[in-house]
């Protein structure tokens, strides 16, 4: 009996993780302004395109994705269950930046930049 329960949990676990990234993919769509610098805004479209602005001028464009895991970096960072990551791929430079998603609500987006651990909070416009 216990083996059946454990097998069922393990079999369904990826579905729960995928559901989390799917809901985050929907929740992130919109325009966000940084709490730390109101001149910095970022827009996420439903077609996985992002545009960053500073003082109303485009500073970066690219593709974004929400992932349940990301490639290891040097130094490595902790990877755990139920953690989602935001990948921003600058289409001009092909440079990818990774962020851990702390939370997305109707009014706030909180991410942690993997490279330096800085937490960035945005308010929905």
PDB file of N, CA and C in Angstrom:
ATOM      1  N   UNK A   1       0.824  -1.193   0.000  1.00  0.00           N
ATOM      2  CA  UNK A   1       0.000   0.000   0.000  1.00  0.00           C
ATOM      3  C   UNK A   1       0.867   1.256   0.000  1.00  0.00           C
ATOM      4  N   UNK A   2       1.870   1.297   0.875  1.00  0.00           N
ATOM      5  CA  UNK A   2       2.752   2.459   0.954  1.00  0.00           C
ATOM      6  C   UNK A   2       3.514   2.668  -0.352  1.00  0.00           C
ATOM      7  N   UNK A   3       3.893   1.565  -1.009  1.00  0.00           N
ATOM      8  CA  UNK A   3       4.604   1.673  -2.278  1.00  0.00           C
ATOM      9  C   UNK A   3       3.712   2.304  -3.345  1.00  0.00           C
ATOM     10  N   UNK A   4       2.452   1.985  -3.330  1.00  0.00           N
ATOM     11  CA  UNK A   4       1.509   2.550  -4.303  1.00  0.00           C
ATOM     12  C   UNK A   4       1.367   4.049  -4.072  1.00  0.00           C
ATOM     13  N   UNK A   5       1.254   4.455  -2.827  1.00  0.00           N
ATOM     14  CA  UNK A   5       1.117   5.875  -2.509  1.00  0.00           C
ATOM     15  C   UNK A   5       2.373   6.634  -2.930  1.00  0.00           C
ATOM     16  N   UNK A   6       3.531   6.109  -2.607  1.00  0.00           N
ATOM     17  CA  UNK A   6       4.795   6.770  -2.970  1.00  0.00           C
ATOM     18  C   UNK A   6       4.925   6.846  -4.486  1.00  0.00           C
ATOM     19  N   UNK A   7       4.612   5.756  -5.188  1.00  0.00           N
ATOM     20  CA  UNK A   7       4.694   5.764  -6.648  1.00  0.00           C
ATOM     21  C   UNK A   7       3.747   6.809  -7.236  1.00  0.00           C
ATOM     22  N   UNK A   8       2.530   6.903  -6.706  1.00  0.00           N
ATOM     23  CA  UNK A   8       1.549   7.877  -7.199  1.00  0.00           C
ATOM     24  C   UNK A   8       2.047   9.298  -6.990  1.00  0.00           C
ATOM     25  N   UNK A   9       2.590   9.588  -5.829  1.00  0.00           N
ATOM     26  CA  UNK A   9       3.122  10.928  -5.541  1.00  0.00           C
ATOM     27  C   UNK A   9       4.259  11.257  -6.498  1.00  0.00           C
ATOM     28  N   UNK A  10       5.185  10.330  -6.681  1.00  0.00           N
ATOM     29  CA  UNK A  10       6.312  10.571  -7.582  1.00  0.00           C
ATOM     30  C   UNK A  10       5.856  10.747  -9.021  1.00  0.00           C
ATOM     31  N   UNK A  11       4.848  10.011  -9.422  1.00  0.00           N
ATOM     32  CA  UNK A  11       4.352  10.110 -10.797  1.00  0.00           C
ATOM     33  C   UNK A  11       3.643  11.433 -11.046  1.00  0.00           C
ATOM     34  N   UNK A  12       2.951  11.950 -10.049  1.00  0.00           N
ATOM     35  CA  UNK A  12       2.188  13.193 -10.210  1.00  0.00           C
ATOM     36  C   UNK A  12       2.998  14.446  -9.920  1.00  0.00           C
ATOM     37  N   UNK A  13       4.142  14.329  -9.241  1.00  0.00           N
ATOM     38  CA  UNK A  13       4.936  15.487  -8.847  1.00  0.00           C
ATOM     39  C   UNK A  13       5.283  16.410 -10.012  1.00  0.00           C
ATOM     40  N   UNK A  14       5.752  15.896 -11.165  1.00  0.00           N
ATOM     41  CA  UNK A  14       6.056  16.804 -12.276  1.00  0.00           C
ATOM     42  C   UNK A  14       4.844  17.595 -12.756  1.00  0.00           C
ATOM     43  N   UNK A  15       3.669  17.038 -12.652  1.00  0.00           N
ATOM     44  CA  UNK A  15       2.465  17.761 -13.066  1.00  0.00           C
ATOM     45  C   UNK A  15       2.216  18.962 -12.171  1.00  0.00           C
ATOM     46  N   UNK A  16       2.449  18.803 -10.859  1.00  0.00           N
ATOM     47  CA  UNK A  16       2.265  19.923  -9.946  1.00  0.00           C
ATOM     48  C   UNK A  16       3.290  21.010 -10.213  1.00  0.00           C
ATOM     49  N   UNK A  17       4.527  20.650 -10.480  1.00  0.00           N
ATOM     50  CA  UNK A  17       5.571  21.632 -10.778  1.00  0.00           C
ATOM     51  C   UNK A  17       5.248  22.374 -12.067  1.00  0.00           C
ATOM     52  N   UNK A  18       4.790  21.662 -13.077  1.00  0.00           N
ATOM     53  CA  UNK A  18       4.436  22.289 -14.339  1.00  0.00           C
ATOM     54  C   UNK A  18       3.258  23.243 -14.163  1.00  0.00           C
ATOM     55  N   UNK A  19       2.307  22.884 -13.318  1.00  0.00           N
ATOM     56  CA  UNK A  19       1.165  23.758 -13.070  1.00  0.00           C
ATOM     57  C   UNK A  19       1.613  25.064 -12.440  1.00  0.00           C
ATOM     58  N   UNK A  20       2.622  25.000 -11.561  1.00  0.00           N
ATOM     59  CA  UNK A  20       3.134  26.208 -10.929  1.00  0.00           C
ATOM     60  C   UNK A  20       3.759  27.123 -11.974  1.00  0.00           C
ATOM     61  N   UNK A  21       4.612  26.593 -12.849  1.00  0.00           N
ATOM     62  CA  UNK A  21       5.251  27.442 -13.853  1.00  0.00           C
ATOM     63  C   UNK A  21       4.225  27.960 -14.850  1.00  0.00           C
ATOM     64  N   UNK A  22       3.180  27.195 -15.143  1.00  0.00           N
ATOM     65  CA  UNK A  22       2.133  27.660 -16.045  1.00  0.00           C
ATOM     66  C   UNK A  22       1.395  28.844 -15.440  1.00  0.00           C
ATOM     67  N   UNK A  23       1.022  28.767 -14.173  1.00  0.00           N
ATOM     68  CA  UNK A  23       0.315  29.879 -13.541  1.00  0.00           C
ATOM     69  C   UNK A  23       1.218  31.103 -13.427  1.00  0.00           C
ATOM     70  N   UNK A  24       2.503  30.903 -13.189  1.00  0.00           N
ATOM     71  CA  UNK A  24       3.433  32.024 -13.134  1.00  0.00           C
ATOM     72  C   UNK A  24       3.605  32.653 -14.516  1.00  0.00           C
ATOM     73  N   UNK A  25       3.576  31.828 -15.562  1.00  0.00           N
ATOM     74  CA  UNK A  25       3.681  32.347 -16.925  1.00  0.00           C
ATOM     75  C   UNK A  25       2.515  33.273 -17.247  1.00  0.00           C
ATOM     76  N   UNK A  26       1.362  32.951 -16.726  1.00  0.00           N
ATOM     77  CA  UNK A  26       0.187  33.797 -16.932  1.00  0.00           C
ATOM     78  C   UNK A  26       0.254  35.040 -16.041  1.00  0.00           C
ATOM     79  N   UNK A  27       0.644  34.865 -14.787  1.00  0.00           N
ATOM     80  CA  UNK A  27       0.649  35.967 -13.818  1.00  0.00           C
ATOM     81  C   UNK A  27       1.682  37.042 -14.147  1.00  0.00           C
ATOM     82  N   UNK A  28       2.777  36.681 -14.802  1.00  0.00           N
ATOM     83  CA  UNK A  28       3.848  37.642 -15.056  1.00  0.00           C
ATOM     84  C   UNK A  28       3.516  38.607 -16.195  1.00  0.00           C
ATOM     85  N   UNK A  29       2.562  38.242 -17.047  1.00  0.00           N
ATOM     86  CA  UNK A  29       2.232  39.076 -18.203  1.00  0.00           C
ATOM     87  C   UNK A  29       1.720  40.438 -17.726  1.00  0.00           C
ATOM     88  N   UNK A  30       2.339  41.492 -18.271  1.00  0.00           N
ATOM     89  CA  UNK A  30       1.929  42.852 -17.908  1.00  0.00           C
ATOM     90  C   UNK A  30       3.121  43.773 -17.814  1.00  0.00           C
ATOM     91  N   UNK A  31       2.880  44.955 -17.276  1.00  0.00           N
ATOM     92  CA  UNK A  31       3.921  45.977 -17.132  1.00  0.00           C
ATOM     93  C   UNK A  31       4.252  46.151 -15.659  1.00  0.00           C
ATOM     94  N   UNK A  32       5.561  46.207 -15.360  1.00  0.00           N
ATOM     95  CA  UNK A  32       6.040  46.252 -13.989  1.00  0.00           C
ATOM     96  C   UNK A  32       7.022  47.407 -13.819  1.00  0.00           C
ATOM     97  N   UNK A  33       6.951  48.088 -12.696  1.00  0.00           N
ATOM     98  CA  UNK A  33       7.880  49.178 -12.386  1.00  0.00           C
ATOM     99  C   UNK A  33       8.658  48.798 -11.117  1.00  0.00           C
ATOM    100  N   UNK A  34       9.970  49.035 -11.151  1.00  0.00           N
ATOM    101  CA  UNK A  34      10.834  48.671 -10.030  1.00  0.00           C
ATOM    102  C   UNK A  34      10.530  49.533  -8.810  1.00  0.00           C
ATOM    103  N   UNK A  35      10.441  48.899  -7.640  1.00  0.00           N
ATOM    104  CA  UNK A  35      10.265  49.656  -6.401  1.00  0.00           C
ATOM    105  C   UNK A  35      11.532  50.418  -6.047  1.00  0.00           C
ATOM    106  N   UNK A  36      12.697  49.888  -6.430  1.00  0.00           N
ATOM    107  CA  UNK A  36      13.968  50.523  -6.104  1.00  0.00           C
ATOM    108  C   UNK A  36      14.330  51.691  -7.004  1.00  0.00           C
ATOM    109  N   UNK A  37      13.805  51.712  -8.228  1.00  0.00           N
ATOM    110  CA  UNK A  37      14.095  52.777  -9.194  1.00  0.00           C
ATOM    111  C   UNK A  37      12.896  52.899 -10.128  1.00  0.00           C
ATOM    112  N   UNK A  38      12.053  53.874  -9.876  1.00  0.00           N
ATOM    113  CA  UNK A  38      10.802  54.002 -10.639  1.00  0.00           C
ATOM    114  C   UNK A  38      11.031  54.345 -12.107  1.00  0.00           C
ATOM    115  N   UNK A  39      12.268  54.630 -12.508  1.00  0.00           N
ATOM    116  CA  UNK A  39      12.585  54.874 -13.919  1.00  0.00           C
ATOM    117  C   UNK A  39      12.746  53.574 -14.701  1.00  0.00           C
ATOM    118  N   UNK A  40      12.901  52.452 -13.976  1.00  0.00           N
ATOM    119  CA  UNK A  40      13.141  51.151 -14.603  1.00  0.00           C
ATOM    120  C   UNK A  40      11.835  50.372 -14.655  1.00  0.00           C
ATOM    121  N   UNK A  41      11.394  50.019 -15.850  1.00  0.00           N
ATOM    122  CA  UNK A  41      10.191  49.213 -16.013  1.00  0.00           C
ATOM    123  C   UNK A  41      10.491  48.039 -16.941  1.00  0.00           C
ATOM    124  N   UNK A  42       9.682  47.022 -16.806  1.00  0.00           N
ATOM    125  CA  UNK A  42       9.814  45.852 -17.667  1.00  0.00           C
ATOM    126  C   UNK A  42       8.415  45.379 -18.042  1.00  0.00           C
ATOM    127  N   UNK A  43       8.277  44.988 -19.280  1.00  0.00           N
ATOM    128  CA  UNK A  43       6.995  44.521 -19.800  1.00  0.00           C
ATOM    129  C   UNK A  43       7.164  43.087 -20.292  1.00  0.00           C
ATOM    130  N   UNK A  44       6.243  42.206 -19.872  1.00  0.00           N
ATOM    131  CA  UNK A  44       6.229  40.812 -20.312  1.00  0.00           C
ATOM    132  C   UNK A  44       4.964  40.576 -21.132  1.00  0.00           C
ATOM    133  N   UNK A  45       5.112  40.054 -22.341  1.00  0.00           N
ATOM    134  CA  UNK A  45       3.951  39.768 -23.181  1.00  0.00           C
ATOM    135  C   UNK A  45       3.563  38.303 -23.067  1.00  0.00           C
ATOM    136  N   UNK A  46       2.366  37.984 -23.508  1.00  0.00           N
ATOM    137  CA  UNK A  46       1.896  36.596 -23.509  1.00  0.00           C
ATOM    138  C   UNK A  46       2.645  35.752 -24.533  1.00  0.00           C
ATOM    139  N   UNK A  47       3.379  36.394 -25.441  1.00  0.00           N
ATOM    140  CA  UNK A  47       4.147  35.672 -26.464  1.00  0.00           C
ATOM    141  C   UNK A  47       5.611  35.476 -26.048  1.00  0.00           C
ATOM    142  N   UNK A  48       5.877  35.566 -24.749  1.00  0.00           N
ATOM    143  CA  UNK A  48       7.199  35.342 -24.163  1.00  0.00           C
ATOM    144  C   UNK A  48       8.251  36.345 -24.620  1.00  0.00           C
ATOM    145  N   UNK A  49       7.829  37.566 -24.881  1.00  0.00           N
ATOM    146  CA  UNK A  49       8.741  38.655 -25.231  1.00  0.00           C
ATOM    147  C   UNK A  49       8.776  39.611 -24.045  1.00  0.00           C
ATOM    148  N   UNK A  50       9.973  40.094 -23.702  1.00  0.00           N
ATOM    149  CA  UNK A  50      10.083  41.116 -22.667  1.00  0.00           C
ATOM    150  C   UNK A  50      10.779  42.337 -23.254  1.00  0.00           C
ATOM    151  N   UNK A  51      10.455  43.494 -22.690  1.00  0.00           N
ATOM    152  CA  UNK A  51      11.101  44.752 -23.061  1.00  0.00           C
ATOM    153  C   UNK A  51      11.392  45.490 -21.767  1.00  0.00           C
ATOM    154  N   UNK A  52      12.664  45.886 -21.599  1.00  0.00           N
ATOM    155  CA  UNK A  52      13.033  46.694 -20.440  1.00  0.00           C
ATOM    156  C   UNK A  52      13.198  48.143 -20.885  1.00  0.00           C
ATOM    157  N   UNK A  53      12.720  49.049 -20.026  1.00  0.00           N
ATOM    158  CA  UNK A  53      12.788  50.481 -20.299  1.00  0.00           C
ATOM    159  C   UNK A  53      13.485  51.188 -19.146  1.00  0.00           C
ATOM    160  N   UNK A  54      14.185  52.260 -19.464  1.00  0.00           N
ATOM    161  CA  UNK A  54      14.701  53.153 -18.428  1.00  0.00           C
ATOM    162  C   UNK A  54      14.370  54.572 -18.860  1.00  0.00           C
ATOM    163  N   UNK A  55      13.676  55.267 -17.993  1.00  0.00           N
ATOM    164  CA  UNK A  55      13.172  56.614 -18.288  1.00  0.00           C
ATOM    165  C   UNK A  55      12.390  56.635 -19.599  1.00  0.00           C
ATOM    166  N   UNK A  56      11.635  55.574 -19.849  1.00  0.00           N
ATOM    167  CA  UNK A  56      10.793  55.493 -21.029  1.00  0.00           C
ATOM    168  C   UNK A  56      11.494  55.041 -22.296  1.00  0.00           C
ATOM    169  N   UNK A  57      12.816  54.865 -22.260  1.00  0.00           N
ATOM    170  CA  UNK A  57      13.586  54.433 -23.433  1.00  0.00           C
ATOM    171  C   UNK A  57      13.871  52.939 -23.352  1.00  0.00           C
ATOM    172  N   UNK A  58      13.736  52.255 -24.474  1.00  0.00           N
ATOM    173  CA  UNK A  58      14.028  50.813 -24.520  1.00  0.00           C
ATOM    174  C   UNK A  58      15.519  50.602 -24.288  1.00  0.00           C
ATOM    175  N   UNK A  59      15.852  49.757 -23.301  1.00  0.00           N
ATOM    176  CA  UNK A  59      17.257  49.445 -23.034  1.00  0.00           C
ATOM    177  C   UNK A  59      17.597  47.992 -23.348  1.00  0.00           C
ATOM    178  N   UNK A  60      16.566  47.139 -23.438  1.00  0.00           N
ATOM    179  CA  UNK A  60      16.826  45.730 -23.734  1.00  0.00           C
ATOM    180  C   UNK A  60      15.532  45.053 -24.176  1.00  0.00           C
ATOM    181  N   UNK A  61      15.661  44.170 -25.139  1.00  0.00           N
ATOM    182  CA  UNK A  61      14.527  43.350 -25.563  1.00  0.00           C
ATOM    183  C   UNK A  61      14.987  41.905 -25.667  1.00  0.00           C
ATOM    184  N   UNK A  62      14.051  41.010 -25.542  1.00  0.00           N
ATOM    185  CA  UNK A  62      14.426  39.609 -25.663  1.00  0.00           C
ATOM    186  C   UNK A  62      13.269  38.679 -25.414  1.00  0.00           C
ATOM    187  N   UNK A  63      13.614  37.444 -25.156  1.00  0.00           N
ATOM    188  CA  UNK A  63      12.638  36.387 -24.893  1.00  0.00           C
ATOM    189  C   UNK A  63      12.771  35.960 -23.439  1.00  0.00           C
ATOM    190  N   UNK A  64      11.645  35.660 -22.828  1.00  0.00           N
ATOM    191  CA  UNK A  64      11.686  35.167 -21.451  1.00  0.00           C
ATOM    192  C   UNK A  64      11.021  33.809 -21.385  1.00  0.00           C
ATOM    193  N   UNK A  65      11.413  33.064 -20.367  1.00  0.00           N
ATOM    194  CA  UNK A  65      10.763  31.786 -20.091  1.00  0.00           C
ATOM    195  C   UNK A  65      10.802  31.537 -18.593  1.00  0.00           C
ATOM    196  N   UNK A  66       9.840  30.783 -18.123  1.00  0.00           N
ATOM    197  CA  UNK A  66       9.795  30.392 -16.720  1.00  0.00           C
ATOM    198  C   UNK A  66      10.083  28.899 -16.670  1.00  0.00           C
ATOM    199  N   UNK A  67      11.104  28.556 -15.893  1.00  0.00           N
ATOM    200  CA  UNK A  67      11.636  27.198 -15.871  1.00  0.00           C
ATOM    201  C   UNK A  67      11.543  26.598 -14.480  1.00  0.00           C
ATOM    202  N   UNK A  68      11.512  25.278 -14.425  1.00  0.00           N
ATOM    203  CA  UNK A  68      11.547  24.592 -13.132  1.00  0.00           C
ATOM    204  C   UNK A  68      12.975  24.242 -12.729  1.00  0.00           C
ATOM    205  N   UNK A  69      13.919  24.384 -13.653  1.00  0.00           N
ATOM    206  CA  UNK A  69      15.336  24.160 -13.371  1.00  0.00           C
ATOM    207  C   UNK A  69      16.144  24.970 -14.374  1.00  0.00           C
ATOM    208  N   UNK A  70      17.359  25.313 -14.000  1.00  0.00           N
ATOM    209  CA  UNK A  70      18.232  26.053 -14.904  1.00  0.00           C
ATOM    210  C   UNK A  70      19.611  25.421 -14.916  1.00  0.00           C
ATOM    211  N   UNK A  71      20.423  25.728 -15.928  1.00  0.00           N
ATOM    212  CA  UNK A  71      21.783  25.180 -15.962  1.00  0.00           C
ATOM    213  C   UNK A  71      22.574  25.624 -14.735  1.00  0.00           C
ATOM    214  N   UNK A  72      23.448  24.765 -14.282  1.00  0.00           N
ATOM    215  CA  UNK A  72      24.284  25.123 -13.137  1.00  0.00           C
ATOM    216  C   UNK A  72      25.239  26.248 -13.510  1.00  0.00           C
ATOM    217  N   UNK A  73      25.514  27.080 -12.544  1.00  0.00           N
ATOM    218  CA  UNK A  73      26.439  28.196 -12.723  1.00  0.00           C
ATOM    219  C   UNK A  73      27.682  27.939 -11.878  1.00  0.00           C
ATOM    220  N   UNK A  74      28.664  28.759 -12.026  1.00  0.00           N
ATOM    221  CA  UNK A  74      29.857  28.661 -11.209  1.00  0.00           C
ATOM    222  C   UNK A  74      30.015  29.966 -10.461  1.00  0.00           C
ATOM    223  N   UNK A  75      29.911  30.029  -9.150  1.00  0.00           N
ATOM    224  CA  UNK A  75      29.671  28.899  -8.254  1.00  0.00           C
ATOM    225  C   UNK A  75      28.232  28.413  -8.355  1.00  0.00           C
ATOM    226  N   UNK A  76      27.998  27.153  -7.982  1.00  0.00           N
ATOM    227  CA  UNK A  76      26.641  26.615  -8.059  1.00  0.00           C
ATOM    228  C   UNK A  76      25.719  27.273  -7.037  1.00  0.00           C
ATOM    229  N   UNK A  77      24.449  27.292  -7.306  1.00  0.00           N
ATOM    230  CA  UNK A  77      23.460  27.820  -6.387  1.00  0.00           C
ATOM    231  C   UNK A  77      22.497  26.696  -6.042  1.00  0.00           C
ATOM    232  N   UNK A  78      21.800  26.837  -4.918  1.00  0.00           N
ATOM    233  CA  UNK A  78      20.894  25.756  -4.525  1.00  0.00           C
ATOM    234  C   UNK A  78      19.723  25.614  -5.483  1.00  0.00           C
ATOM    235  N   UNK A  79      19.382  24.377  -5.780  1.00  0.00           N
ATOM    236  CA  UNK A  79      18.220  24.073  -6.606  1.00  0.00           C
ATOM    237  C   UNK A  79      17.305  23.223  -5.747  1.00  0.00           C
ATOM    238  N   UNK A  80      16.052  23.638  -5.637  1.00  0.00           N
ATOM    239  CA  UNK A  80      15.125  22.887  -4.806  1.00  0.00           C
ATOM    240  C   UNK A  80      13.815  22.640  -5.516  1.00  0.00           C
ATOM    241  N   UNK A  81      12.985  21.846  -4.882  1.00  0.00           N
ATOM    242  CA  UNK A  81      11.673  21.587  -5.463  1.00  0.00           C
ATOM    243  C   UNK A  81      10.789  22.808  -5.252  1.00  0.00           C
ATOM    244  N   UNK A  82       9.813  22.955  -6.111  1.00  0.00           N
ATOM    245  CA  UNK A  82       8.862  24.068  -6.060  1.00  0.00           C
ATOM    246  C   UNK A  82       9.517  25.430  -6.205  1.00  0.00           C
ATOM    247  N   UNK A  83      10.656  25.477  -6.873  1.00  0.00           N
ATOM    248  CA  UNK A  83      11.310  26.749  -7.173  1.00  0.00           C
ATOM    249  C   UNK A  83      11.204  26.964  -8.675  1.00  0.00           C
ATOM    250  N   UNK A  84      10.786  28.161  -9.052  1.00  0.00           N
ATOM    251  CA  UNK A  84      10.706  28.514 -10.464  1.00  0.00           C
ATOM    252  C   UNK A  84      11.742  29.588 -10.758  1.00  0.00           C
ATOM    253  N   UNK A  85      12.192  29.583 -11.994  1.00  0.00           N
ATOM    254  CA  UNK A  85      13.226  30.520 -12.418  1.00  0.00           C
ATOM    255  C   UNK A  85      12.760  31.301 -13.636  1.00  0.00           C
ATOM    256  N   UNK A  86      13.155  32.553 -13.689  1.00  0.00           N
ATOM    257  CA  UNK A  86      12.874  33.411 -14.828  1.00  0.00           C
ATOM    258  C   UNK A  86      14.162  33.546 -15.632  1.00  0.00           C
ATOM    259  N   UNK A  87      14.089  33.203 -16.896  1.00  0.00           N
ATOM    260  CA  UNK A  87      15.235  33.348 -17.795  1.00  0.00           C
ATOM    261  C   UNK A  87      14.935  34.500 -18.746  1.00  0.00           C
ATOM    262  N   UNK A  88      15.839  35.489 -18.781  1.00  0.00           N
ATOM    263  CA  UNK A  88      15.740  36.588 -19.733  1.00  0.00           C
ATOM    264  C   UNK A  88      16.867  36.434 -20.736  1.00  0.00           C
ATOM    265  N   UNK A  89      16.517  36.209 -21.996  1.00  0.00           N
ATOM    266  CA  UNK A  89      17.509  36.041 -23.055  1.00  0.00           C
ATOM    267  C   UNK A  89      17.499  37.285 -23.933  1.00  0.00           C
ATOM    268  N   UNK A  90      18.560  38.091 -23.823  1.00  0.00           N
ATOM    269  CA  UNK A  90      18.702  39.295 -24.645  1.00  0.00           C
ATOM    270  C   UNK A  90      18.936  38.846 -26.080  1.00  0.00           C
ATOM    271  N   UNK A  91      18.031  39.204 -26.986  1.00  0.00           N
ATOM    272  CA  UNK A  91      18.139  38.725 -28.365  1.00  0.00           C
ATOM    273  C   UNK A  91      19.244  39.426 -29.145  1.00  0.00           C
ATOM    274  N   UNK A  92      19.722  40.577 -28.675  1.00  0.00           N
ATOM    275  CA  UNK A  92      20.823  41.263 -29.360  1.00  0.00           C
ATOM    276  C   UNK A  92      22.170  40.621 -29.041  1.00  0.00           C
ATOM    277  N   UNK A  93      22.378  40.307 -27.750  1.00  0.00           N
ATOM    278  CA  UNK A  93      23.671  39.791 -27.310  1.00  0.00           C
ATOM    279  C   UNK A  93      23.692  38.281 -27.095  1.00  0.00           C
ATOM    280  N   UNK A  94      22.501  37.656 -27.062  1.00  0.00           N
ATOM    281  CA  UNK A  94      22.342  36.233 -26.726  1.00  0.00           C
ATOM    282  C   UNK A  94      22.802  35.932 -25.300  1.00  0.00           C
ATOM    283  N   UNK A  95      22.891  36.959 -24.465  1.00  0.00           N
ATOM    284  CA  UNK A  95      23.250  36.804 -23.062  1.00  0.00           C
ATOM    285  C   UNK A  95      21.995  36.454 -22.262  1.00  0.00           C
ATOM    286  N   UNK A  96      22.094  35.413 -21.441  1.00  0.00           N
ATOM    287  CA  UNK A  96      20.954  34.997 -20.616  1.00  0.00           C
ATOM    288  C   UNK A  96      21.213  35.352 -19.156  1.00  0.00           C
ATOM    289  N   UNK A  97      20.198  35.909 -18.514  1.00  0.00           N
ATOM    290  CA  UNK A  97      20.233  36.192 -17.082  1.00  0.00           C
ATOM    291  C   UNK A  97      19.162  35.322 -16.423  1.00  0.00           C
ATOM    292  N   UNK A  98      19.480  34.793 -15.245  1.00  0.00           N
ATOM    293  CA  UNK A  98      18.563  33.919 -14.532  1.00  0.00           C
ATOM    294  C   UNK A  98      18.193  34.528 -13.193  1.00  0.00           C
ATOM    295  N   UNK A  99      16.913  34.401 -12.850  1.00  0.00           N
ATOM    296  CA  UNK A  99      16.390  34.915 -11.595  1.00  0.00           C
ATOM    297  C   UNK A  99      15.541  33.840 -10.941  1.00  0.00           C
ATOM    298  N   UNK A 100      15.638  33.726  -9.631  1.00  0.00           N
ATOM    299  CA  UNK A 100      14.719  32.864  -8.892  1.00  0.00           C
ATOM    300  C   UNK A 100      13.460  33.672  -8.636  1.00  0.00           C
ATOM    301  N   UNK A 101      12.312  33.080  -8.906  1.00  0.00           N
ATOM    302  CA  UNK A 101      11.050  33.774  -8.672  1.00  0.00           C
ATOM    303  C   UNK A 101      10.636  33.553  -7.223  1.00  0.00           C
ATOM    304  N   UNK A 102      10.612  34.647  -6.456  1.00  0.00           N
ATOM    305  CA  UNK A 102      10.173  34.566  -5.061  1.00  0.00           C
ATOM    306  C   UNK A 102       8.659  34.580  -4.961  1.00  0.00           C
ATOM    307  N   UNK A 103       8.007  35.279  -5.893  1.00  0.00           N
ATOM    308  CA  UNK A 103       6.555  35.322  -5.886  1.00  0.00           C
ATOM    309  C   UNK A 103       6.013  36.288  -6.920  1.00  0.00           C
ATOM    310  N   UNK A 104       4.833  35.967  -7.414  1.00  0.00           N
ATOM    311  CA  UNK A 104       4.101  36.841  -8.333  1.00  0.00           C
ATOM    312  C   UNK A 104       2.671  36.910  -7.820  1.00  0.00           C
ATOM    313  N   UNK A 105       2.217  38.136  -7.561  1.00  0.00           N
ATOM    314  CA  UNK A 105       0.826  38.343  -7.166  1.00  0.00           C
ATOM    315  C   UNK A 105       0.180  39.268  -8.192  1.00  0.00           C
ATOM    316  N   UNK A 106      -1.054  39.630  -7.936  1.00  0.00           N
ATOM    317  CA  UNK A 106      -1.754  40.551  -8.836  1.00  0.00           C
ATOM    318  C   UNK A 106      -1.085  41.922  -8.857  1.00  0.00           C
ATOM    319  N   UNK A 107      -0.338  42.256  -7.795  1.00  0.00           N
ATOM    320  CA  UNK A 107       0.251  43.599  -7.706  1.00  0.00           C
ATOM    321  C   UNK A 107       1.772  43.622  -7.619  1.00  0.00           C
ATOM    322  N   UNK A 108       2.421  42.505  -7.302  1.00  0.00           N
ATOM    323  CA  UNK A 108       3.868  42.498  -7.090  1.00  0.00           C
ATOM    324  C   UNK A 108       4.561  41.322  -7.768  1.00  0.00           C
ATOM    325  N   UNK A 109       5.812  41.576  -8.156  1.00  0.00           N
ATOM    326  CA  UNK A 109       6.708  40.561  -8.700  1.00  0.00           C
ATOM    327  C   UNK A 109       8.001  40.650  -7.909  1.00  0.00           C
ATOM    328  N   UNK A 110       8.430  39.558  -7.306  1.00  0.00           N
ATOM    329  CA  UNK A 110       9.671  39.529  -6.544  1.00  0.00           C
ATOM    330  C   UNK A 110      10.575  38.456  -7.138  1.00  0.00           C
ATOM    331  N   UNK A 111      11.795  38.875  -7.532  1.00  0.00           N
ATOM    332  CA  UNK A 111      12.771  37.950  -8.109  1.00  0.00           C
ATOM    333  C   UNK A 111      14.121  38.158  -7.452  1.00  0.00           C
ATOM    334  N   UNK A 112      14.942  37.111  -7.465  1.00  0.00           N
ATOM    335  CA  UNK A 112      16.300  37.213  -6.949  1.00  0.00           C
ATOM    336  C   UNK A 112      17.263  36.905  -8.086  1.00  0.00           C
ATOM    337  N   UNK A 113      18.153  37.832  -8.358  1.00  0.00           N
ATOM    338  CA  UNK A 113      19.138  37.648  -9.409  1.00  0.00           C
ATOM    339  C   UNK A 113      20.123  36.587  -8.943  1.00  0.00           C
ATOM    340  N   UNK A 114      20.233  35.498  -9.689  1.00  0.00           N
ATOM    341  CA  UNK A 114      21.074  34.364  -9.312  1.00  0.00           C
ATOM    342  C   UNK A 114      22.542  34.771  -9.201  1.00  0.00           C
ATOM    343  N   UNK A 115      23.002  35.664 -10.075  1.00  0.00           N
ATOM    344  CA  UNK A 115      24.409  36.039 -10.115  1.00  0.00           C
ATOM    345  C   UNK A 115      24.904  36.644  -8.805  1.00  0.00           C
ATOM    346  N   UNK A 116      24.097  37.527  -8.192  1.00  0.00           N
ATOM    347  CA  UNK A 116      24.593  38.212  -7.003  1.00  0.00           C
ATOM    348  C   UNK A 116      23.663  38.136  -5.797  1.00  0.00           C
ATOM    349  N   UNK A 117      22.521  37.501  -5.942  1.00  0.00           N
ATOM    350  CA  UNK A 117      21.604  37.352  -4.813  1.00  0.00           C
ATOM    351  C   UNK A 117      20.744  38.570  -4.524  1.00  0.00           C
ATOM    352  N   UNK A 118      20.850  39.621  -5.344  1.00  0.00           N
ATOM    353  CA  UNK A 118      20.025  40.811  -5.126  1.00  0.00           C
ATOM    354  C   UNK A 118      18.555  40.492  -5.372  1.00  0.00           C
ATOM    355  N   UNK A 119      17.713  40.974  -4.474  1.00  0.00           N
ATOM    356  CA  UNK A 119      16.273  40.814  -4.632  1.00  0.00           C
ATOM    357  C   UNK A 119      15.723  42.079  -5.261  1.00  0.00           C
ATOM    358  N   UNK A 120      14.903  41.883  -6.288  1.00  0.00           N
ATOM    359  CA  UNK A 120      14.315  42.996  -7.019  1.00  0.00           C
ATOM    360  C   UNK A 120      12.803  42.846  -6.929  1.00  0.00           C
ATOM    361  N   UNK A 121      12.144  43.920  -6.529  1.00  0.00           N
ATOM    362  CA  UNK A 121      10.688  43.895  -6.396  1.00  0.00           C
ATOM    363  C   UNK A 121      10.092  44.908  -7.368  1.00  0.00           C
ATOM    364  N   UNK A 122       9.070  44.457  -8.083  1.00  0.00           N
ATOM    365  CA  UNK A 122       8.356  45.297  -9.039  1.00  0.00           C
ATOM    366  C   UNK A 122       6.900  45.406  -8.620  1.00  0.00           C
ATOM    367  N   UNK A 123       6.298  46.543  -8.931  1.00  0.00           N
ATOM    368  CA  UNK A 123       4.870  46.745  -8.759  1.00  0.00           C
ATOM    369  C   UNK A 123       4.214  46.746 -10.125  1.00  0.00           C
ATOM    370  N   UNK A 124       3.041  46.143 -10.222  1.00  0.00           N
ATOM    371  CA  UNK A 124       2.323  46.137 -11.493  1.00  0.00           C
ATOM    372  C   UNK A 124       1.836  47.549 -11.796  1.00  0.00           C
ATOM    373  N   UNK A 125       2.006  47.972 -13.051  1.00  0.00           N
ATOM    374  CA  UNK A 125       1.513  49.293 -13.463  1.00  0.00           C
ATOM    375  C   UNK A 125       0.051  49.208 -13.788  1.00  0.00           C
TER     376      UNK A 125
END
